[in-house]
């Protein structure tokens, strides 16, 4: 039976930017996990409910070791939302996605005790930090739109997330990959995955690509499947923009 869609109003998808902690494990993992347990015992619920990114850049480990580490962290209620700095061979089905585009920030100092007097009085903790986090944003005057350039293709399963501004990809975006930008997205190759521009409320953002074969396109939370677009645009160099609540597209030279 074929179901008819009677309500054709677009669905709005909104972007959000959250504070995340970055854990950088060290070998051997047993010793590092013991220090993590010590931190958790001194600050009950420190990791509970926090989004966590696991930074494994430079670690010579196997996929099995990474899976075991993620499992050990899961048993400690440390839920990994993404993995940074991992070789493609380390990632597999059922594992957190690869993440890129994070901005360096100052080390995050964990409290020595949950209610230590020094912490109440603003004193510094003498324990070495085990996590990093971006500082909470403060209200500030408008500034020029930032941008990043990714000098390599975005592979299946990878996510490029940059809510601060434009993203330029020097290469293609594979099926199963996604690019999320607060500003516009420029792809100097084939777009076969998902592209979401204006993710934090920028209706003026646009998407440009050299070859349109996308799974999903979105601007300012409004999305469109490429199958819903003019078939003549498929495989062409196009630009996509928003007019009111309608996603528009046309070929570009």
C-alpha atoms as a PDB file:
ATOM      1  CA  UNK A   1       0.000   0.000   0.000  1.00  0.00           C
ATOM      2  CA  UNK A   2       1.317   3.418  -0.937  1.00  0.00           C
ATOM      3  CA  UNK A   3       0.937   6.140   1.676  1.00  0.00           C
ATOM      4  CA  UNK A   4       0.290   9.679   0.421  1.00  0.00           C
ATOM      5  CA  UNK A   5       1.985  12.591   2.175  1.00  0.00           C
ATOM      6  CA  UNK A   6      -0.640  15.273   2.672  1.00  0.00           C
ATOM      7  CA  UNK A   7       1.364  17.645   4.887  1.00  0.00           C
ATOM      8  CA  UNK A   8       4.157  19.086   2.709  1.00  0.00           C
ATOM      9  CA  UNK A   9       5.483  21.590   5.242  1.00  0.00           C
ATOM     10  CA  UNK A  10       9.300  21.321   5.631  1.00  0.00           C
ATOM     11  CA  UNK A  11      10.849  19.859   8.763  1.00  0.00           C
ATOM     12  CA  UNK A  12      13.282  22.242  10.452  1.00  0.00           C
ATOM     13  CA  UNK A  13      16.497  20.789  11.838  1.00  0.00           C
ATOM     14  CA  UNK A  14      18.329  23.050  14.294  1.00  0.00           C
ATOM     15  CA  UNK A  15      22.016  22.970  15.168  1.00  0.00           C
ATOM     16  CA  UNK A  16      23.417  23.268  18.688  1.00  0.00           C
ATOM     17  CA  UNK A  17      26.953  23.817  19.961  1.00  0.00           C
ATOM     18  CA  UNK A  18      27.825  22.104  23.261  1.00  0.00           C
ATOM     19  CA  UNK A  19      30.800  22.117  25.612  1.00  0.00           C
ATOM     20  CA  UNK A  20      32.647  18.792  25.322  1.00  0.00           C
ATOM     21  CA  UNK A  21      35.519  17.300  27.294  1.00  0.00           C
ATOM     22  CA  UNK A  22      38.412  15.716  25.436  1.00  0.00           C
ATOM     23  CA  UNK A  23      40.062  12.716  27.074  1.00  0.00           C
ATOM     24  CA  UNK A  24      43.594  11.915  25.897  1.00  0.00           C
ATOM     25  CA  UNK A  25      44.419   8.375  27.061  1.00  0.00           C
ATOM     26  CA  UNK A  26      47.991   7.238  27.576  1.00  0.00           C
ATOM     27  CA  UNK A  27      49.652   3.844  27.317  1.00  0.00           C
ATOM     28  CA  UNK A  28      49.495   1.562  29.165  1.00  0.00           C
ATOM     29  CA  UNK A  29      45.727   1.958  29.456  1.00  0.00           C
ATOM     30  CA  UNK A  30      45.557   0.126  32.807  1.00  0.00           C
ATOM     31  CA  UNK A  31      47.568   2.854  34.524  1.00  0.00           C
ATOM     32  CA  UNK A  32      45.649   5.636  32.807  1.00  0.00           C
ATOM     33  CA  UNK A  33      42.294   4.081  33.746  1.00  0.00           C
ATOM     34  CA  UNK A  34      43.476   3.800  37.361  1.00  0.00           C
ATOM     35  CA  UNK A  35      44.154   7.552  37.422  1.00  0.00           C
ATOM     36  CA  UNK A  36      40.738   8.141  35.846  1.00  0.00           C
ATOM     37  CA  UNK A  37      39.145   6.022  38.598  1.00  0.00           C
ATOM     38  CA  UNK A  38      40.987   8.104  41.187  1.00  0.00           C
ATOM     39  CA  UNK A  39      39.589  11.301  39.668  1.00  0.00           C
ATOM     40  CA  UNK A  40      36.060   9.841  39.600  1.00  0.00           C
ATOM     41  CA  UNK A  41      36.316   8.773  43.254  1.00  0.00           C
ATOM     42  CA  UNK A  42      37.317  12.305  44.283  1.00  0.00           C
ATOM     43  CA  UNK A  43      34.584  13.972  42.253  1.00  0.00           C
ATOM     44  CA  UNK A  44      31.434  11.867  42.121  1.00  0.00           C
ATOM     45  CA  UNK A  45      29.511  12.245  38.864  1.00  0.00           C
ATOM     46  CA  UNK A  46      32.270  14.302  37.217  1.00  0.00           C
ATOM     47  CA  UNK A  47      31.773  12.591  33.829  1.00  0.00           C
ATOM     48  CA  UNK A  48      28.085  11.804  34.209  1.00  0.00           C
ATOM     49  CA  UNK A  49      26.021  13.397  31.447  1.00  0.00           C
ATOM     50  CA  UNK A  50      28.993  15.177  29.853  1.00  0.00           C
ATOM     51  CA  UNK A  51      29.700  14.799  26.107  1.00  0.00           C
ATOM     52  CA  UNK A  52      33.146  13.214  25.768  1.00  0.00           C
ATOM     53  CA  UNK A  53      35.526  13.131  22.793  1.00  0.00           C
ATOM     54  CA  UNK A  54      38.356  10.583  22.857  1.00  0.00           C
ATOM     55  CA  UNK A  55      41.655  11.866  21.407  1.00  0.00           C
ATOM     56  CA  UNK A  56      43.863   8.932  20.301  1.00  0.00           C
ATOM     57  CA  UNK A  57      46.222  10.840  18.011  1.00  0.00           C
ATOM     58  CA  UNK A  58      49.730   9.375  18.078  1.00  0.00           C
ATOM     59  CA  UNK A  59      48.748   6.211  19.943  1.00  0.00           C
ATOM     60  CA  UNK A  60      50.039   2.977  18.387  1.00  0.00           C
ATOM     61  CA  UNK A  61      47.041   0.775  19.146  1.00  0.00           C
ATOM     62  CA  UNK A  62      44.852  -1.716  17.318  1.00  0.00           C
ATOM     63  CA  UNK A  63      41.127  -1.507  16.657  1.00  0.00           C
ATOM     64  CA  UNK A  64      40.587  -4.229  19.265  1.00  0.00           C
ATOM     65  CA  UNK A  65      42.481  -2.209  21.891  1.00  0.00           C
ATOM     66  CA  UNK A  66      40.396   0.862  21.059  1.00  0.00           C
ATOM     67  CA  UNK A  67      37.165  -1.134  21.370  1.00  0.00           C
ATOM     68  CA  UNK A  68      38.299  -2.492  24.742  1.00  0.00           C
ATOM     69  CA  UNK A  69      39.132   1.031  25.940  1.00  0.00           C
ATOM     70  CA  UNK A  70      35.724   2.350  24.859  1.00  0.00           C
ATOM     71  CA  UNK A  71      34.121  -0.597  26.673  1.00  0.00           C
ATOM     72  CA  UNK A  72      36.117   0.113  29.848  1.00  0.00           C
ATOM     73  CA  UNK A  73      35.061   3.753  29.724  1.00  0.00           C
ATOM     74  CA  UNK A  74      31.430   2.724  29.158  1.00  0.00           C
ATOM     75  CA  UNK A  75      31.534   0.617  32.329  1.00  0.00           C
ATOM     76  CA  UNK A  76      32.580   3.801  34.134  1.00  0.00           C
ATOM     77  CA  UNK A  77      29.594   5.715  32.649  1.00  0.00           C
ATOM     78  CA  UNK A  78      31.937   7.672  30.362  1.00  0.00           C
ATOM     79  CA  UNK A  79      30.057   7.757  27.048  1.00  0.00           C
ATOM     80  CA  UNK A  80      32.181   8.603  23.996  1.00  0.00           C
ATOM     81  CA  UNK A  81      30.404  10.806  21.423  1.00  0.00           C
ATOM     82  CA  UNK A  82      33.285  10.863  18.931  1.00  0.00           C
ATOM     83  CA  UNK A  83      36.922   9.937  18.310  1.00  0.00           C
ATOM     84  CA  UNK A  84      39.583  12.440  17.283  1.00  0.00           C
ATOM     85  CA  UNK A  85      42.935  11.722  15.662  1.00  0.00           C
ATOM     86  CA  UNK A  86      42.148   8.095  14.780  1.00  0.00           C
ATOM     87  CA  UNK A  87      43.485   6.359  11.691  1.00  0.00           C
ATOM     88  CA  UNK A  88      40.706   5.120   9.418  1.00  0.00           C
ATOM     89  CA  UNK A  89      41.772   1.526  10.137  1.00  0.00           C
ATOM     90  CA  UNK A  90      40.952   2.012  13.827  1.00  0.00           C
ATOM     91  CA  UNK A  91      37.291   2.813  13.258  1.00  0.00           C
ATOM     92  CA  UNK A  92      34.597   0.273  12.521  1.00  0.00           C
ATOM     93  CA  UNK A  93      30.886  -0.448  12.602  1.00  0.00           C
ATOM     94  CA  UNK A  94      29.252   0.324  15.936  1.00  0.00           C
ATOM     95  CA  UNK A  95      32.076   2.610  17.098  1.00  0.00           C
ATOM     96  CA  UNK A  96      31.768   6.362  17.738  1.00  0.00           C
ATOM     97  CA  UNK A  97      32.338   8.508  14.616  1.00  0.00           C
ATOM     98  CA  UNK A  98      35.551  10.289  13.711  1.00  0.00           C
ATOM     99  CA  UNK A  99      35.542  13.989  14.585  1.00  0.00           C
ATOM    100  CA  UNK A 100      37.518  16.913  13.179  1.00  0.00           C
ATOM    101  CA  UNK A 101      37.525  20.672  13.443  1.00  0.00           C
ATOM    102  CA  UNK A 102      37.819  21.032  17.209  1.00  0.00           C
ATOM    103  CA  UNK A 103      39.561  24.189  18.371  1.00  0.00           C
ATOM    104  CA  UNK A 104      42.454  23.883  20.865  1.00  0.00           C
ATOM    105  CA  UNK A 105      41.626  25.167  24.345  1.00  0.00           C
ATOM    106  CA  UNK A 106      43.225  25.417  27.742  1.00  0.00           C
ATOM    107  CA  UNK A 107      43.481  22.287  29.887  1.00  0.00           C
ATOM    108  CA  UNK A 108      40.498  21.644  32.122  1.00  0.00           C
ATOM    109  CA  UNK A 109      41.461  21.240  35.763  1.00  0.00           C
ATOM    110  CA  UNK A 110      39.404  18.660  37.592  1.00  0.00           C
ATOM    111  CA  UNK A 111      38.540  19.334  41.259  1.00  0.00           C
ATOM    112  CA  UNK A 112      40.641  17.587  43.892  1.00  0.00           C
ATOM    113  CA  UNK A 113      37.542  16.904  45.961  1.00  0.00           C
ATOM    114  CA  UNK A 114      33.875  17.385  45.302  1.00  0.00           C
ATOM    115  CA  UNK A 115      33.547  20.176  47.869  1.00  0.00           C
ATOM    116  CA  UNK A 116      37.116  21.066  48.762  1.00  0.00           C
ATOM    117  CA  UNK A 117      37.529  24.407  50.603  1.00  0.00           C
ATOM    118  CA  UNK A 118      40.205  25.511  48.125  1.00  0.00           C
ATOM    119  CA  UNK A 119      37.780  25.061  45.264  1.00  0.00           C
ATOM    120  CA  UNK A 120      35.168  27.124  47.074  1.00  0.00           C
ATOM    121  CA  UNK A 121      37.670  29.918  47.575  1.00  0.00           C
ATOM    122  CA  UNK A 122      38.893  29.831  43.995  1.00  0.00           C
ATOM    123  CA  UNK A 123      42.126  28.017  44.846  1.00  0.00           C
ATOM    124  CA  UNK A 124      43.887  25.954  42.180  1.00  0.00           C
ATOM    125  CA  UNK A 125      43.984  22.175  42.262  1.00  0.00           C
ATOM    126  CA  UNK A 126      47.346  20.441  42.395  1.00  0.00           C
ATOM    127  CA  UNK A 127      46.245  17.375  40.429  1.00  0.00           C
ATOM    128  CA  UNK A 128      47.380  16.959  36.820  1.00  0.00           C
ATOM    129  CA  UNK A 129      44.475  17.443  34.402  1.00  0.00           C
ATOM    130  CA  UNK A 130      43.237  14.419  32.448  1.00  0.00           C
ATOM    131  CA  UNK A 131      40.733  16.186  30.228  1.00  0.00           C
ATOM    132  CA  UNK A 132      40.445  19.225  28.008  1.00  0.00           C
ATOM    133  CA  UNK A 133      37.459  21.374  27.206  1.00  0.00           C
ATOM    134  CA  UNK A 134      36.624  24.496  25.274  1.00  0.00           C
ATOM    135  CA  UNK A 135      35.968  27.520  27.473  1.00  0.00           C
ATOM    136  CA  UNK A 136      32.332  28.561  27.778  1.00  0.00           C
ATOM    137  CA  UNK A 137      31.609  31.319  25.248  1.00  0.00           C
ATOM    138  CA  UNK A 138      31.006  34.835  26.573  1.00  0.00           C
ATOM    139  CA  UNK A 139      28.837  37.511  24.946  1.00  0.00           C
ATOM    140  CA  UNK A 140      30.909  39.540  22.503  1.00  0.00           C
ATOM    141  CA  UNK A 141      30.565  41.964  19.652  1.00  0.00           C
ATOM    142  CA  UNK A 142      29.979  40.585  16.130  1.00  0.00           C
ATOM    143  CA  UNK A 143      33.161  39.553  14.346  1.00  0.00           C
ATOM    144  CA  UNK A 144      34.071  38.424  10.834  1.00  0.00           C
ATOM    145  CA  UNK A 145      32.911  34.934   9.919  1.00  0.00           C
ATOM    146  CA  UNK A 146      35.604  32.355  10.614  1.00  0.00           C
ATOM    147  CA  UNK A 147      36.463  29.538   8.224  1.00  0.00           C
ATOM    148  CA  UNK A 148      38.413  26.309   8.030  1.00  0.00           C
ATOM    149  CA  UNK A 149      39.939  24.437   5.089  1.00  0.00           C
ATOM    150  CA  UNK A 150      40.099  20.631   5.043  1.00  0.00           C
ATOM    151  CA  UNK A 151      42.897  19.600   2.686  1.00  0.00           C
ATOM    152  CA  UNK A 152      41.737  16.030   2.153  1.00  0.00           C
ATOM    153  CA  UNK A 153      38.609  14.067   1.229  1.00  0.00           C
ATOM    154  CA  UNK A 154      36.037  13.359   3.927  1.00  0.00           C
ATOM    155  CA  UNK A 155      35.622   9.588   4.136  1.00  0.00           C
ATOM    156  CA  UNK A 156      32.533   7.557   4.975  1.00  0.00           C
ATOM    157  CA  UNK A 157      31.736   7.727   8.684  1.00  0.00           C
ATOM    158  CA  UNK A 158      33.661  10.957   9.239  1.00  0.00           C
ATOM    159  CA  UNK A 159      32.068  14.232  10.374  1.00  0.00           C
ATOM    160  CA  UNK A 160      33.394  17.757   9.872  1.00  0.00           C
ATOM    161  CA  UNK A 161      31.587  20.048  12.316  1.00  0.00           C
ATOM    162  CA  UNK A 162      32.421  23.769  12.447  1.00  0.00           C
ATOM    163  CA  UNK A 163      29.568  25.904  13.838  1.00  0.00           C
ATOM    164  CA  UNK A 164      31.720  29.069  13.892  1.00  0.00           C
ATOM    165  CA  UNK A 165      31.721  29.709  10.135  1.00  0.00           C
ATOM    166  CA  UNK A 166      32.475  28.426   6.624  1.00  0.00           C
ATOM    167  CA  UNK A 167      33.957  25.045   5.701  1.00  0.00           C
ATOM    168  CA  UNK A 168      35.953  24.405   2.523  1.00  0.00           C
ATOM    169  CA  UNK A 169      36.720  20.817   1.502  1.00  0.00           C
ATOM    170  CA  UNK A 170      39.592  20.320  -0.971  1.00  0.00           C
ATOM    171  CA  UNK A 171      38.287  17.004  -2.240  1.00  0.00           C
ATOM    172  CA  UNK A 172      35.114  14.940  -2.156  1.00  0.00           C
ATOM    173  CA  UNK A 173      32.664  14.054   0.618  1.00  0.00           C
ATOM    174  CA  UNK A 174      31.929  10.323   0.551  1.00  0.00           C
ATOM    175  CA  UNK A 175      28.574   8.636   1.044  1.00  0.00           C
ATOM    176  CA  UNK A 176      28.024   8.211   4.786  1.00  0.00           C
ATOM    177  CA  UNK A 177      30.119  11.285   5.636  1.00  0.00           C
ATOM    178  CA  UNK A 178      28.800  14.668   6.718  1.00  0.00           C
ATOM    179  CA  UNK A 179      29.854  18.305   6.773  1.00  0.00           C
ATOM    180  CA  UNK A 180      28.138  20.694   9.190  1.00  0.00           C
ATOM    181  CA  UNK A 181      28.933  24.412   9.101  1.00  0.00           C
ATOM    182  CA  UNK A 182      27.581  27.488  10.796  1.00  0.00           C
ATOM    183  CA  UNK A 183      28.277  29.347   7.548  1.00  0.00           C
ATOM    184  CA  UNK A 184      28.573  28.194   3.933  1.00  0.00           C
ATOM    185  CA  UNK A 185      30.048  24.928   2.641  1.00  0.00           C
ATOM    186  CA  UNK A 186      32.400  24.790  -0.373  1.00  0.00           C
ATOM    187  CA  UNK A 187      33.268  21.342  -1.754  1.00  0.00           C
ATOM    188  CA  UNK A 188      35.860  21.143  -4.553  1.00  0.00           C
ATOM    189  CA  UNK A 189      34.849  17.626  -5.485  1.00  0.00           C
ATOM    190  CA  UNK A 190      31.830  15.314  -5.429  1.00  0.00           C
ATOM    191  CA  UNK A 191      29.290  15.686  -2.639  1.00  0.00           C
ATOM    192  CA  UNK A 192      27.948  12.186  -1.996  1.00  0.00           C
ATOM    193  CA  UNK A 193      27.273  12.442   1.737  1.00  0.00           C
ATOM    194  CA  UNK A 194      25.369  15.007   3.808  1.00  0.00           C
ATOM    195  CA  UNK A 195      25.958  18.779   3.821  1.00  0.00           C
ATOM    196  CA  UNK A 196      24.282  21.041   6.404  1.00  0.00           C
ATOM    197  CA  UNK A 197      25.064  24.756   6.139  1.00  0.00           C
ATOM    198  CA  UNK A 198      23.861  27.613   8.360  1.00  0.00           C
ATOM    199  CA  UNK A 199      23.512  25.116  11.203  1.00  0.00           C
ATOM    200  CA  UNK A 200      23.252  27.739  13.952  1.00  0.00           C
ATOM    201  CA  UNK A 201      20.612  29.933  12.317  1.00  0.00           C
ATOM    202  CA  UNK A 202      22.252  31.450   9.222  1.00  0.00           C
ATOM    203  CA  UNK A 203      19.659  31.583   6.436  1.00  0.00           C
ATOM    204  CA  UNK A 204      22.166  33.321   4.120  1.00  0.00           C
ATOM    205  CA  UNK A 205      24.517  30.338   4.075  1.00  0.00           C
ATOM    206  CA  UNK A 206      24.994  28.429   0.816  1.00  0.00           C
ATOM    207  CA  UNK A 207      26.307  25.064  -0.334  1.00  0.00           C
ATOM    208  CA  UNK A 208      28.630  24.826  -3.344  1.00  0.00           C
ATOM    209  CA  UNK A 209      29.918  21.595  -4.841  1.00  0.00           C
ATOM    210  CA  UNK A 210      31.587  20.497  -8.058  1.00  0.00           C
ATOM    211  CA  UNK A 211      29.460  17.370  -8.442  1.00  0.00           C
ATOM    212  CA  UNK A 212      26.081  16.904  -6.733  1.00  0.00           C
ATOM    213  CA  UNK A 213      25.329  13.339  -5.629  1.00  0.00           C
ATOM    214  CA  UNK A 214      24.310  14.154  -2.049  1.00  0.00           C
ATOM    215  CA  UNK A 215      22.305  12.045   0.375  1.00  0.00           C
ATOM    216  CA  UNK A 216      20.928  15.109   2.171  1.00  0.00           C
ATOM    217  CA  UNK A 217      21.209  18.897   1.932  1.00  0.00           C
ATOM    218  CA  UNK A 218      20.207  21.363   4.636  1.00  0.00           C
ATOM    219  CA  UNK A 219      20.383  25.123   5.169  1.00  0.00           C
ATOM    220  CA  UNK A 220      19.312  26.817   8.405  1.00  0.00           C
ATOM    221  CA  UNK A 221      17.604  23.622   9.540  1.00  0.00           C
ATOM    222  CA  UNK A 222      15.537  23.072   6.376  1.00  0.00           C
ATOM    223  CA  UNK A 223      16.519  19.891   4.596  1.00  0.00           C
ATOM    224  CA  UNK A 224      16.004  18.292   1.226  1.00  0.00           C
ATOM    225  CA  UNK A 225      16.907  14.894  -0.205  1.00  0.00           C
ATOM    226  CA  UNK A 226      18.683  15.112  -3.536  1.00  0.00           C
ATOM    227  CA  UNK A 227      16.038  12.816  -5.073  1.00  0.00           C
ATOM    228  CA  UNK A 228      13.535  15.622  -4.447  1.00  0.00           C
ATOM    229  CA  UNK A 229      15.535  18.017  -6.611  1.00  0.00           C
ATOM    230  CA  UNK A 230      15.596  18.437 -10.371  1.00  0.00           C
ATOM    231  CA  UNK A 231      17.217  15.331 -11.868  1.00  0.00           C
ATOM    232  CA  UNK A 232      19.153  17.591 -14.267  1.00  0.00           C
ATOM    233  CA  UNK A 233      21.198  18.876 -11.319  1.00  0.00           C
ATOM    234  CA  UNK A 234      22.553  15.448 -10.397  1.00  0.00           C
ATOM    235  CA  UNK A 235      26.210  15.102 -11.279  1.00  0.00           C
ATOM    236  CA  UNK A 236      26.510  18.828 -11.992  1.00  0.00           C
ATOM    237  CA  UNK A 237      28.391  21.674 -10.328  1.00  0.00           C
ATOM    238  CA  UNK A 238      25.729  23.486  -8.315  1.00  0.00           C
ATOM    239  CA  UNK A 239      25.026  26.053  -5.645  1.00  0.00           C
ATOM    240  CA  UNK A 240      22.196  25.654  -3.136  1.00  0.00           C
ATOM    241  CA  UNK A 241      20.600  28.459  -1.159  1.00  0.00           C
ATOM    242  CA  UNK A 242      17.479  29.276   0.825  1.00  0.00           C
ATOM    243  CA  UNK A 243      14.564  31.496  -0.218  1.00  0.00           C
ATOM    244  CA  UNK A 244      12.092  31.757   2.615  1.00  0.00           C
ATOM    245  CA  UNK A 245      11.300  28.151   3.507  1.00  0.00           C
ATOM    246  CA  UNK A 246      12.324  26.771   0.115  1.00  0.00           C
ATOM    247  CA  UNK A 247      15.692  25.291  -0.831  1.00  0.00           C
ATOM    248  CA  UNK A 248      16.769  26.462  -4.292  1.00  0.00           C
ATOM    249  CA  UNK A 249      19.531  25.120  -6.533  1.00  0.00           C
ATOM    250  CA  UNK A 250      21.114  25.941  -9.878  1.00  0.00           C
ATOM    251  CA  UNK A 251      24.138  24.911 -11.877  1.00  0.00           C
ATOM    252  CA  UNK A 252      27.288  27.018 -11.810  1.00  0.00           C
ATOM    253  CA  UNK A 253      29.954  27.342 -14.454  1.00  0.00           C
END
